């Protein structure tokens, strides 16, 4: 999915640890918001994980359940982030600092992707009280995570629309 130099699409990659809870949730929510805004031809969206544990698997049943509850369809499979993602995506947005540290170690000086926390924009303007998305894998707080991710995605979309004049 290599971006071409004159490609006017904005490419966004969401990242968490295993790519079965937070990042596919963000991908699904963001895709839904982008579709509602009529920007699906202009914004490309995907998700990935930093670890190999769940590659090829569907999202966690809690993620799928909360997305369905909010009318969002999702059918992706887990994959691991790779070096070329930094060339292919304009934004690489990570769920928490631990995974952000891992992602930044992969980045090299020539790559131009904006790498940061998914909730960074929303936290900066006071929309949320934390800049990290908690992992619902063990605690099951998928609805709380949905609310945070939704807020983060809404502010992110507004930022991208303003930044890229969409």
N, C-alpha and C. Protein backbone atom coordinates (compact mmCIF):
# COMPACT_ATOMS: atom_id res chain seq x y z
N UNK A 1 0.84 -1.17 0.00
CA UNK A 1 0.00 0.00 0.00
C UNK A 1 0.89 1.25 0.00
N UNK A 2 1.92 1.25 -0.77
CA UNK A 2 2.91 2.33 -0.81
C UNK A 2 2.31 3.63 -1.32
N UNK A 3 2.46 4.70 -0.54
CA UNK A 3 1.99 6.02 -0.97
C UNK A 3 2.91 6.54 -2.06
N UNK A 4 2.30 7.13 -3.06
CA UNK A 4 3.05 7.73 -4.15
C UNK A 4 3.33 9.20 -3.80
N UNK A 5 4.39 9.81 -4.36
CA UNK A 5 4.74 11.18 -4.03
C UNK A 5 3.61 12.19 -4.25
N UNK A 6 2.79 12.02 -5.25
CA UNK A 6 1.71 12.97 -5.53
C UNK A 6 0.36 12.51 -5.01
N UNK A 7 0.36 11.52 -4.14
CA UNK A 7 -0.87 10.97 -3.59
C UNK A 7 -1.49 11.99 -2.64
N UNK A 8 -2.72 12.39 -2.93
CA UNK A 8 -3.39 13.40 -2.10
C UNK A 8 -4.16 12.77 -0.95
N UNK A 9 -4.17 11.45 -0.87
CA UNK A 9 -4.82 10.79 0.25
C UNK A 9 -3.99 10.96 1.52
N UNK A 10 -4.66 10.99 2.63
CA UNK A 10 -4.01 11.00 3.93
C UNK A 10 -4.13 9.58 4.48
N UNK A 11 -3.02 9.02 4.92
CA UNK A 11 -3.01 7.64 5.39
C UNK A 11 -2.76 7.61 6.90
N UNK A 12 -3.63 6.88 7.61
CA UNK A 12 -3.59 6.82 9.06
C UNK A 12 -3.48 5.36 9.51
N UNK A 13 -2.51 5.09 10.38
CA UNK A 13 -2.32 3.76 10.94
C UNK A 13 -2.45 3.84 12.45
N UNK A 14 -3.33 3.00 13.02
CA UNK A 14 -3.50 2.92 14.47
C UNK A 14 -2.74 1.70 14.98
N UNK A 15 -2.06 1.85 16.13
CA UNK A 15 -1.20 0.78 16.64
C UNK A 15 -1.46 0.54 18.13
N UNK A 16 -1.53 -0.73 18.50
CA UNK A 16 -1.55 -1.13 19.91
C UNK A 16 -0.65 -2.36 20.04
N UNK A 17 -0.75 -3.09 21.12
CA UNK A 17 0.16 -4.21 21.35
C UNK A 17 -0.11 -5.39 20.41
N UNK A 18 -1.32 -5.94 20.45
CA UNK A 18 -1.61 -7.15 19.68
C UNK A 18 -2.48 -6.97 18.46
N UNK A 19 -3.00 -5.76 18.24
CA UNK A 19 -3.88 -5.45 17.12
C UNK A 19 -5.17 -6.25 17.15
N UNK A 20 -5.68 -6.50 18.39
CA UNK A 20 -6.98 -7.15 18.49
C UNK A 20 -7.97 -6.37 19.34
N UNK A 21 -7.52 -5.36 20.08
CA UNK A 21 -8.45 -4.59 20.94
C UNK A 21 -8.51 -3.13 20.54
N UNK A 22 -7.50 -2.35 20.94
CA UNK A 22 -7.57 -0.91 20.79
C UNK A 22 -7.38 -0.42 19.36
N UNK A 23 -6.37 -0.92 18.67
CA UNK A 23 -6.12 -0.39 17.32
C UNK A 23 -7.20 -0.79 16.31
N UNK A 24 -7.73 -2.03 16.34
CA UNK A 24 -8.84 -2.29 15.41
C UNK A 24 -10.09 -1.50 15.78
N UNK A 25 -10.27 -1.24 17.09
CA UNK A 25 -11.39 -0.42 17.51
C UNK A 25 -11.23 0.98 16.92
N UNK A 26 -10.03 1.54 17.03
CA UNK A 26 -9.77 2.86 16.47
C UNK A 26 -9.95 2.85 14.96
N UNK A 27 -9.45 1.82 14.30
CA UNK A 27 -9.61 1.72 12.85
C UNK A 27 -11.09 1.70 12.46
N UNK A 28 -11.87 0.89 13.16
CA UNK A 28 -13.30 0.80 12.86
C UNK A 28 -14.04 2.10 13.10
N UNK A 29 -13.77 2.73 14.24
CA UNK A 29 -14.43 3.99 14.57
C UNK A 29 -14.03 5.08 13.59
N UNK A 30 -12.73 5.18 13.33
CA UNK A 30 -12.24 6.24 12.43
C UNK A 30 -12.78 6.04 11.02
N UNK A 31 -12.80 4.81 10.55
CA UNK A 31 -13.34 4.52 9.21
C UNK A 31 -14.82 4.93 9.15
N UNK A 32 -15.56 4.63 10.21
CA UNK A 32 -16.97 4.99 10.29
C UNK A 32 -17.14 6.51 10.21
N UNK A 33 -16.33 7.25 10.98
CA UNK A 33 -16.40 8.71 10.97
C UNK A 33 -16.01 9.28 9.61
N UNK A 34 -14.98 8.71 9.01
CA UNK A 34 -14.51 9.15 7.69
C UNK A 34 -15.59 8.89 6.64
N UNK A 35 -16.22 7.72 6.70
CA UNK A 35 -17.31 7.41 5.76
C UNK A 35 -18.47 8.39 5.93
N UNK A 36 -18.84 8.65 7.19
CA UNK A 36 -19.93 9.60 7.45
C UNK A 36 -19.61 11.00 6.91
N UNK A 37 -18.33 11.37 6.94
CA UNK A 37 -17.90 12.68 6.46
C UNK A 37 -17.74 12.70 4.94
N UNK A 38 -17.92 11.55 4.28
CA UNK A 38 -17.77 11.48 2.83
C UNK A 38 -16.32 11.59 2.37
N UNK A 39 -15.40 11.15 3.22
CA UNK A 39 -13.96 11.29 2.91
C UNK A 39 -13.24 9.97 2.69
N UNK A 40 -13.99 8.90 2.46
CA UNK A 40 -13.36 7.59 2.34
C UNK A 40 -12.42 7.48 1.14
N UNK A 41 -12.60 8.31 0.12
CA UNK A 41 -11.69 8.31 -1.02
C UNK A 41 -10.42 9.11 -0.72
N UNK A 42 -10.44 9.90 0.33
CA UNK A 42 -9.31 10.79 0.65
C UNK A 42 -8.47 10.32 1.83
N UNK A 43 -9.04 9.46 2.67
CA UNK A 43 -8.32 9.01 3.87
C UNK A 43 -8.27 7.49 3.89
N UNK A 44 -7.05 6.98 3.97
CA UNK A 44 -6.80 5.54 4.00
C UNK A 44 -6.50 5.16 5.45
N UNK A 45 -7.04 4.04 5.91
CA UNK A 45 -6.98 3.69 7.32
C UNK A 45 -6.62 2.21 7.48
N UNK A 46 -5.77 1.93 8.49
CA UNK A 46 -5.42 0.56 8.82
C UNK A 46 -5.01 0.51 10.28
N UNK A 47 -4.72 -0.68 10.77
CA UNK A 47 -4.22 -0.84 12.13
C UNK A 47 -3.19 -1.96 12.15
N UNK A 48 -2.38 -1.96 13.22
CA UNK A 48 -1.33 -2.96 13.37
C UNK A 48 -0.98 -3.09 14.84
N UNK A 49 -0.23 -4.11 15.16
CA UNK A 49 0.24 -4.33 16.52
C UNK A 49 1.75 -4.33 16.58
N UNK A 50 2.28 -4.13 17.77
CA UNK A 50 3.73 -4.18 17.93
C UNK A 50 4.22 -5.60 18.17
N UNK A 51 3.36 -6.48 18.63
CA UNK A 51 3.76 -7.85 18.92
C UNK A 51 3.18 -8.85 17.95
N UNK A 52 3.75 -10.05 17.92
CA UNK A 52 3.34 -11.08 16.95
C UNK A 52 2.25 -12.03 17.44
N UNK A 53 1.77 -11.87 18.65
CA UNK A 53 0.93 -12.88 19.30
C UNK A 53 -0.35 -13.21 18.55
N UNK A 54 -0.97 -12.26 17.90
CA UNK A 54 -2.30 -12.48 17.33
C UNK A 54 -2.37 -12.31 15.81
N UNK A 55 -1.24 -12.27 15.14
CA UNK A 55 -1.22 -12.05 13.69
C UNK A 55 -2.17 -13.02 13.00
N UNK A 56 -3.03 -12.47 12.15
CA UNK A 56 -3.99 -13.26 11.40
C UNK A 56 -5.31 -13.49 12.09
N UNK A 57 -5.39 -13.14 13.37
CA UNK A 57 -6.62 -13.37 14.13
C UNK A 57 -7.60 -12.20 13.96
N UNK A 58 -8.89 -12.49 14.17
CA UNK A 58 -9.88 -11.40 14.19
C UNK A 58 -9.74 -10.62 15.50
N UNK A 59 -10.39 -9.47 15.60
CA UNK A 59 -10.33 -8.71 16.85
C UNK A 59 -10.94 -9.48 18.02
N UNK A 60 -10.60 -9.05 19.20
CA UNK A 60 -11.15 -9.60 20.44
C UNK A 60 -12.68 -9.50 20.40
N UNK A 61 -13.36 -10.48 20.95
CA UNK A 61 -14.84 -10.46 20.93
C UNK A 61 -15.40 -9.23 21.63
N UNK A 62 -14.70 -8.69 22.62
CA UNK A 62 -15.15 -7.47 23.30
C UNK A 62 -15.10 -6.27 22.37
N UNK A 63 -14.06 -6.20 21.54
CA UNK A 63 -13.95 -5.12 20.56
C UNK A 63 -15.07 -5.22 19.54
N UNK A 64 -15.27 -6.42 19.01
CA UNK A 64 -16.32 -6.61 18.01
C UNK A 64 -17.70 -6.32 18.59
N UNK A 65 -17.92 -6.71 19.83
CA UNK A 65 -19.21 -6.49 20.48
C UNK A 65 -19.51 -5.00 20.66
N UNK A 66 -18.53 -4.25 21.16
CA UNK A 66 -18.76 -2.82 21.39
C UNK A 66 -18.90 -2.06 20.06
N UNK A 67 -18.16 -2.48 19.05
CA UNK A 67 -18.32 -1.84 17.75
C UNK A 67 -19.72 -2.11 17.19
N UNK A 68 -20.16 -3.37 17.25
CA UNK A 68 -21.51 -3.72 16.78
C UNK A 68 -22.58 -2.94 17.52
N UNK A 69 -22.41 -2.82 18.84
CA UNK A 69 -23.37 -2.09 19.66
C UNK A 69 -23.53 -0.65 19.18
N UNK A 70 -22.46 -0.08 18.64
CA UNK A 70 -22.48 1.30 18.15
C UNK A 70 -22.67 1.39 16.64
N UNK A 71 -23.07 0.27 16.03
CA UNK A 71 -23.40 0.28 14.61
C UNK A 71 -22.21 0.34 13.67
N UNK A 72 -21.06 -0.18 14.14
CA UNK A 72 -19.84 -0.13 13.33
C UNK A 72 -19.43 -1.55 12.96
N UNK A 73 -19.36 -1.82 11.67
CA UNK A 73 -18.92 -3.13 11.18
C UNK A 73 -17.40 -3.16 11.10
N UNK A 74 -16.81 -4.32 11.37
CA UNK A 74 -15.35 -4.47 11.26
C UNK A 74 -15.04 -5.91 10.92
N UNK A 75 -14.15 -6.10 9.95
CA UNK A 75 -13.80 -7.48 9.58
C UNK A 75 -12.30 -7.67 9.35
N UNK A 76 -11.48 -6.81 9.91
CA UNK A 76 -10.03 -6.91 9.71
C UNK A 76 -9.40 -8.05 10.49
N UNK A 77 -8.15 -8.29 10.18
CA UNK A 77 -7.34 -9.31 10.86
C UNK A 77 -6.07 -8.65 11.39
N UNK A 78 -5.59 -9.17 12.50
CA UNK A 78 -4.40 -8.60 13.14
C UNK A 78 -3.17 -8.77 12.27
N UNK A 79 -2.34 -7.72 12.29
CA UNK A 79 -1.04 -7.78 11.63
C UNK A 79 -0.04 -7.03 12.50
N UNK A 80 1.21 -7.21 12.23
CA UNK A 80 2.27 -6.54 12.97
C UNK A 80 2.78 -5.35 12.17
N UNK A 81 3.12 -4.27 12.86
CA UNK A 81 3.68 -3.09 12.21
C UNK A 81 5.02 -3.47 11.57
N UNK A 82 5.29 -2.91 10.40
CA UNK A 82 6.54 -3.17 9.69
C UNK A 82 7.20 -1.84 9.32
N UNK A 83 8.47 -1.88 9.03
CA UNK A 83 9.24 -0.68 8.72
C UNK A 83 8.61 0.15 7.60
N UNK A 84 8.10 -0.49 6.57
CA UNK A 84 7.53 0.26 5.43
C UNK A 84 6.28 1.04 5.80
N UNK A 85 5.65 0.73 6.93
CA UNK A 85 4.47 1.49 7.35
C UNK A 85 4.80 2.97 7.54
N UNK A 86 6.03 3.27 7.91
CA UNK A 86 6.41 4.67 8.13
C UNK A 86 6.55 5.44 6.82
N UNK A 87 6.69 4.72 5.73
CA UNK A 87 6.70 5.35 4.41
C UNK A 87 5.28 5.43 3.84
N UNK A 88 4.46 4.47 4.22
CA UNK A 88 3.11 4.35 3.66
C UNK A 88 2.06 5.20 4.37
N UNK A 89 2.32 5.57 5.62
CA UNK A 89 1.32 6.29 6.42
C UNK A 89 1.82 7.67 6.83
N UNK A 90 0.93 8.63 6.79
CA UNK A 90 1.24 10.00 7.23
C UNK A 90 1.17 10.11 8.74
N UNK A 91 0.25 9.37 9.35
CA UNK A 91 0.05 9.39 10.80
C UNK A 91 0.13 7.95 11.31
N UNK A 92 0.97 7.74 12.32
CA UNK A 92 1.05 6.47 13.02
C UNK A 92 0.69 6.80 14.47
N UNK A 93 -0.52 6.42 14.87
CA UNK A 93 -1.04 6.81 16.17
C UNK A 93 -1.17 5.59 17.07
N UNK A 94 -0.54 5.70 18.24
CA UNK A 94 -0.33 4.56 19.12
C UNK A 94 -1.18 4.71 20.39
N UNK A 95 -1.64 3.59 20.93
CA UNK A 95 -2.55 3.59 22.07
C UNK A 95 -1.90 4.06 23.37
N UNK A 96 -0.65 3.70 23.61
CA UNK A 96 -0.04 4.02 24.90
C UNK A 96 1.47 4.25 24.75
N UNK A 97 2.08 4.74 25.83
CA UNK A 97 3.51 5.09 25.79
C UNK A 97 4.43 3.89 25.59
N UNK A 98 4.09 2.76 26.16
CA UNK A 98 4.93 1.58 26.00
C UNK A 98 5.04 1.20 24.52
N UNK A 99 3.92 1.15 23.84
CA UNK A 99 3.94 0.82 22.41
C UNK A 99 4.50 1.97 21.58
N UNK A 100 4.30 3.21 22.02
CA UNK A 100 4.89 4.35 21.34
C UNK A 100 6.41 4.27 21.36
N UNK A 101 6.97 3.87 22.49
CA UNK A 101 8.42 3.71 22.60
C UNK A 101 8.93 2.66 21.60
N UNK A 102 8.21 1.56 21.50
CA UNK A 102 8.57 0.51 20.55
C UNK A 102 8.52 1.05 19.11
N UNK A 103 7.44 1.73 18.78
CA UNK A 103 7.25 2.26 17.43
C UNK A 103 8.35 3.27 17.09
N UNK A 104 8.68 4.13 18.01
CA UNK A 104 9.73 5.14 17.75
C UNK A 104 11.09 4.50 17.52
N UNK A 105 11.35 3.36 18.13
CA UNK A 105 12.62 2.66 17.90
C UNK A 105 12.71 2.13 16.47
N UNK A 106 11.57 1.86 15.85
CA UNK A 106 11.56 1.38 14.46
C UNK A 106 11.80 2.50 13.45
N UNK A 107 11.43 3.70 13.83
CA UNK A 107 11.47 4.85 12.94
C UNK A 107 12.91 5.25 12.62
N UNK A 108 13.18 5.56 11.36
CA UNK A 108 14.51 6.08 11.05
C UNK A 108 14.41 7.54 10.59
N UNK A 109 15.53 8.21 10.48
CA UNK A 109 15.58 9.65 10.23
C UNK A 109 14.94 10.08 8.92
N UNK A 110 14.92 9.23 7.93
CA UNK A 110 14.40 9.62 6.61
C UNK A 110 12.89 9.55 6.53
N UNK A 111 12.25 8.90 7.48
CA UNK A 111 10.81 8.70 7.40
C UNK A 111 10.06 9.91 7.97
N UNK A 112 8.98 10.27 7.31
CA UNK A 112 8.26 11.51 7.61
C UNK A 112 6.95 11.32 8.35
N UNK A 113 6.56 10.12 8.67
CA UNK A 113 5.28 9.89 9.34
C UNK A 113 5.23 10.64 10.67
N UNK A 114 4.07 11.21 10.98
CA UNK A 114 3.85 11.78 12.31
C UNK A 114 3.55 10.60 13.24
N UNK A 115 4.36 10.43 14.26
CA UNK A 115 4.18 9.34 15.22
C UNK A 115 3.83 9.96 16.57
N UNK A 116 2.72 9.52 17.14
CA UNK A 116 2.30 10.06 18.43
C UNK A 116 1.21 9.21 19.05
N UNK A 117 0.69 9.70 20.17
CA UNK A 117 -0.37 8.99 20.88
C UNK A 117 -1.73 9.27 20.23
N UNK A 118 -2.55 8.25 20.11
CA UNK A 118 -3.89 8.37 19.54
C UNK A 118 -4.69 9.47 20.24
N UNK A 119 -4.59 9.54 21.56
CA UNK A 119 -5.36 10.53 22.30
C UNK A 119 -4.65 11.87 22.44
N UNK A 120 -3.49 12.01 21.83
CA UNK A 120 -2.71 13.23 21.97
C UNK A 120 -3.46 14.50 21.61
N UNK A 121 -4.13 14.51 20.49
CA UNK A 121 -4.86 15.71 20.05
C UNK A 121 -6.02 16.01 20.99
N UNK A 122 -6.77 14.98 21.37
CA UNK A 122 -7.93 15.16 22.24
C UNK A 122 -7.50 15.59 23.65
N UNK A 123 -6.40 15.04 24.13
CA UNK A 123 -5.88 15.40 25.45
C UNK A 123 -5.41 16.85 25.46
N UNK A 124 -4.73 17.24 24.40
CA UNK A 124 -4.19 18.60 24.28
C UNK A 124 -5.28 19.66 24.38
N UNK A 125 -6.46 19.39 23.85
CA UNK A 125 -7.54 20.39 23.90
C UNK A 125 -8.51 20.15 25.07
N UNK A 126 -8.19 19.20 25.94
CA UNK A 126 -9.02 18.95 27.11
C UNK A 126 -10.26 18.11 26.86
N UNK A 127 -10.32 17.43 25.74
CA UNK A 127 -11.47 16.60 25.39
C UNK A 127 -11.49 15.31 26.22
N UNK A 128 -10.31 14.82 26.60
CA UNK A 128 -10.18 13.62 27.44
C UNK A 128 -9.19 13.94 28.56
N UNK A 129 -9.22 13.14 29.62
CA UNK A 129 -8.36 13.38 30.78
C UNK A 129 -7.06 12.59 30.78
N UNK A 130 -6.87 11.76 29.80
CA UNK A 130 -5.66 10.95 29.71
C UNK A 130 -5.19 10.96 28.27
N UNK A 131 -3.89 10.73 28.08
CA UNK A 131 -3.39 10.65 26.70
C UNK A 131 -3.08 9.21 26.31
N UNK A 132 -3.42 8.26 27.19
CA UNK A 132 -3.21 6.85 26.88
C UNK A 132 -4.53 6.09 26.91
N UNK A 133 -4.69 5.16 25.98
CA UNK A 133 -5.87 4.31 25.94
C UNK A 133 -5.54 3.04 26.74
N UNK A 134 -6.29 2.77 27.82
CA UNK A 134 -6.01 1.56 28.60
C UNK A 134 -6.32 0.30 27.78
N UNK A 135 -5.59 -0.76 28.07
CA UNK A 135 -5.79 -2.02 27.36
C UNK A 135 -6.93 -2.80 28.00
N UNK A 136 -8.02 -3.03 27.25
CA UNK A 136 -9.17 -3.75 27.83
C UNK A 136 -9.02 -5.27 27.80
N UNK A 137 -7.91 -5.78 27.30
CA UNK A 137 -7.73 -7.22 27.09
C UNK A 137 -8.00 -8.03 28.36
N UNK A 138 -7.45 -7.60 29.49
CA UNK A 138 -7.61 -8.37 30.73
C UNK A 138 -8.75 -7.89 31.61
N UNK A 139 -9.07 -6.59 31.57
CA UNK A 139 -10.10 -6.05 32.46
C UNK A 139 -11.49 -5.99 31.83
N UNK A 140 -11.57 -5.98 30.53
CA UNK A 140 -12.86 -6.02 29.86
C UNK A 140 -13.61 -4.69 29.79
N UNK A 141 -12.92 -3.58 29.99
CA UNK A 141 -13.57 -2.26 29.98
C UNK A 141 -13.69 -1.71 28.56
N UNK A 142 -14.30 -2.48 27.69
CA UNK A 142 -14.37 -2.13 26.27
C UNK A 142 -15.23 -0.89 26.02
N UNK A 143 -16.28 -0.70 26.79
CA UNK A 143 -17.13 0.48 26.60
C UNK A 143 -16.37 1.76 26.98
N UNK A 144 -15.63 1.74 28.07
CA UNK A 144 -14.80 2.88 28.48
C UNK A 144 -13.76 3.18 27.40
N UNK A 145 -13.13 2.14 26.90
CA UNK A 145 -12.12 2.29 25.86
C UNK A 145 -12.76 2.84 24.59
N UNK A 146 -13.95 2.35 24.25
CA UNK A 146 -14.67 2.86 23.08
C UNK A 146 -14.87 4.38 23.20
N UNK A 147 -15.34 4.83 24.37
CA UNK A 147 -15.60 6.26 24.56
C UNK A 147 -14.33 7.08 24.38
N UNK A 148 -13.21 6.62 24.92
CA UNK A 148 -11.94 7.34 24.76
C UNK A 148 -11.50 7.35 23.30
N UNK A 149 -11.54 6.18 22.67
CA UNK A 149 -11.09 6.07 21.28
C UNK A 149 -11.98 6.90 20.37
N UNK A 150 -13.28 6.88 20.61
CA UNK A 150 -14.21 7.68 19.79
C UNK A 150 -13.87 9.17 19.90
N UNK A 151 -13.64 9.64 21.13
CA UNK A 151 -13.27 11.05 21.33
C UNK A 151 -11.96 11.36 20.61
N UNK A 152 -10.99 10.46 20.74
CA UNK A 152 -9.71 10.67 20.07
C UNK A 152 -9.85 10.70 18.56
N UNK A 153 -10.67 9.82 18.01
CA UNK A 153 -10.87 9.76 16.56
C UNK A 153 -11.61 10.99 16.04
N UNK A 154 -12.57 11.48 16.80
CA UNK A 154 -13.30 12.68 16.37
C UNK A 154 -12.37 13.89 16.28
N UNK A 155 -11.54 14.07 17.30
CA UNK A 155 -10.61 15.20 17.30
C UNK A 155 -9.54 15.00 16.22
N UNK A 156 -9.07 13.78 16.06
CA UNK A 156 -8.09 13.49 15.01
C UNK A 156 -8.65 13.82 13.63
N UNK A 157 -9.88 13.43 13.36
CA UNK A 157 -10.48 13.72 12.06
C UNK A 157 -10.58 15.23 11.85
N UNK A 158 -10.99 15.95 12.87
CA UNK A 158 -11.07 17.42 12.75
C UNK A 158 -9.69 18.00 12.46
N UNK A 159 -8.66 17.49 13.12
CA UNK A 159 -7.29 17.96 12.89
C UNK A 159 -6.86 17.68 11.45
N UNK A 160 -7.09 16.47 10.99
CA UNK A 160 -6.69 16.09 9.62
C UNK A 160 -7.44 16.92 8.60
N UNK A 161 -8.73 17.13 8.83
CA UNK A 161 -9.51 17.94 7.88
C UNK A 161 -8.95 19.35 7.80
N UNK A 162 -8.59 19.94 8.93
CA UNK A 162 -8.03 21.30 8.95
C UNK A 162 -6.63 21.32 8.35
N UNK A 163 -5.80 20.38 8.76
CA UNK A 163 -4.40 20.33 8.33
C UNK A 163 -4.26 20.09 6.83
N UNK A 164 -5.14 19.24 6.28
CA UNK A 164 -5.04 18.84 4.87
C UNK A 164 -6.14 19.45 4.01
N UNK A 165 -6.88 20.40 4.59
CA UNK A 165 -7.93 21.12 3.87
C UNK A 165 -8.93 20.17 3.20
N UNK A 166 -9.47 19.25 3.97
CA UNK A 166 -10.44 18.26 3.45
C UNK A 166 -11.86 18.67 3.84
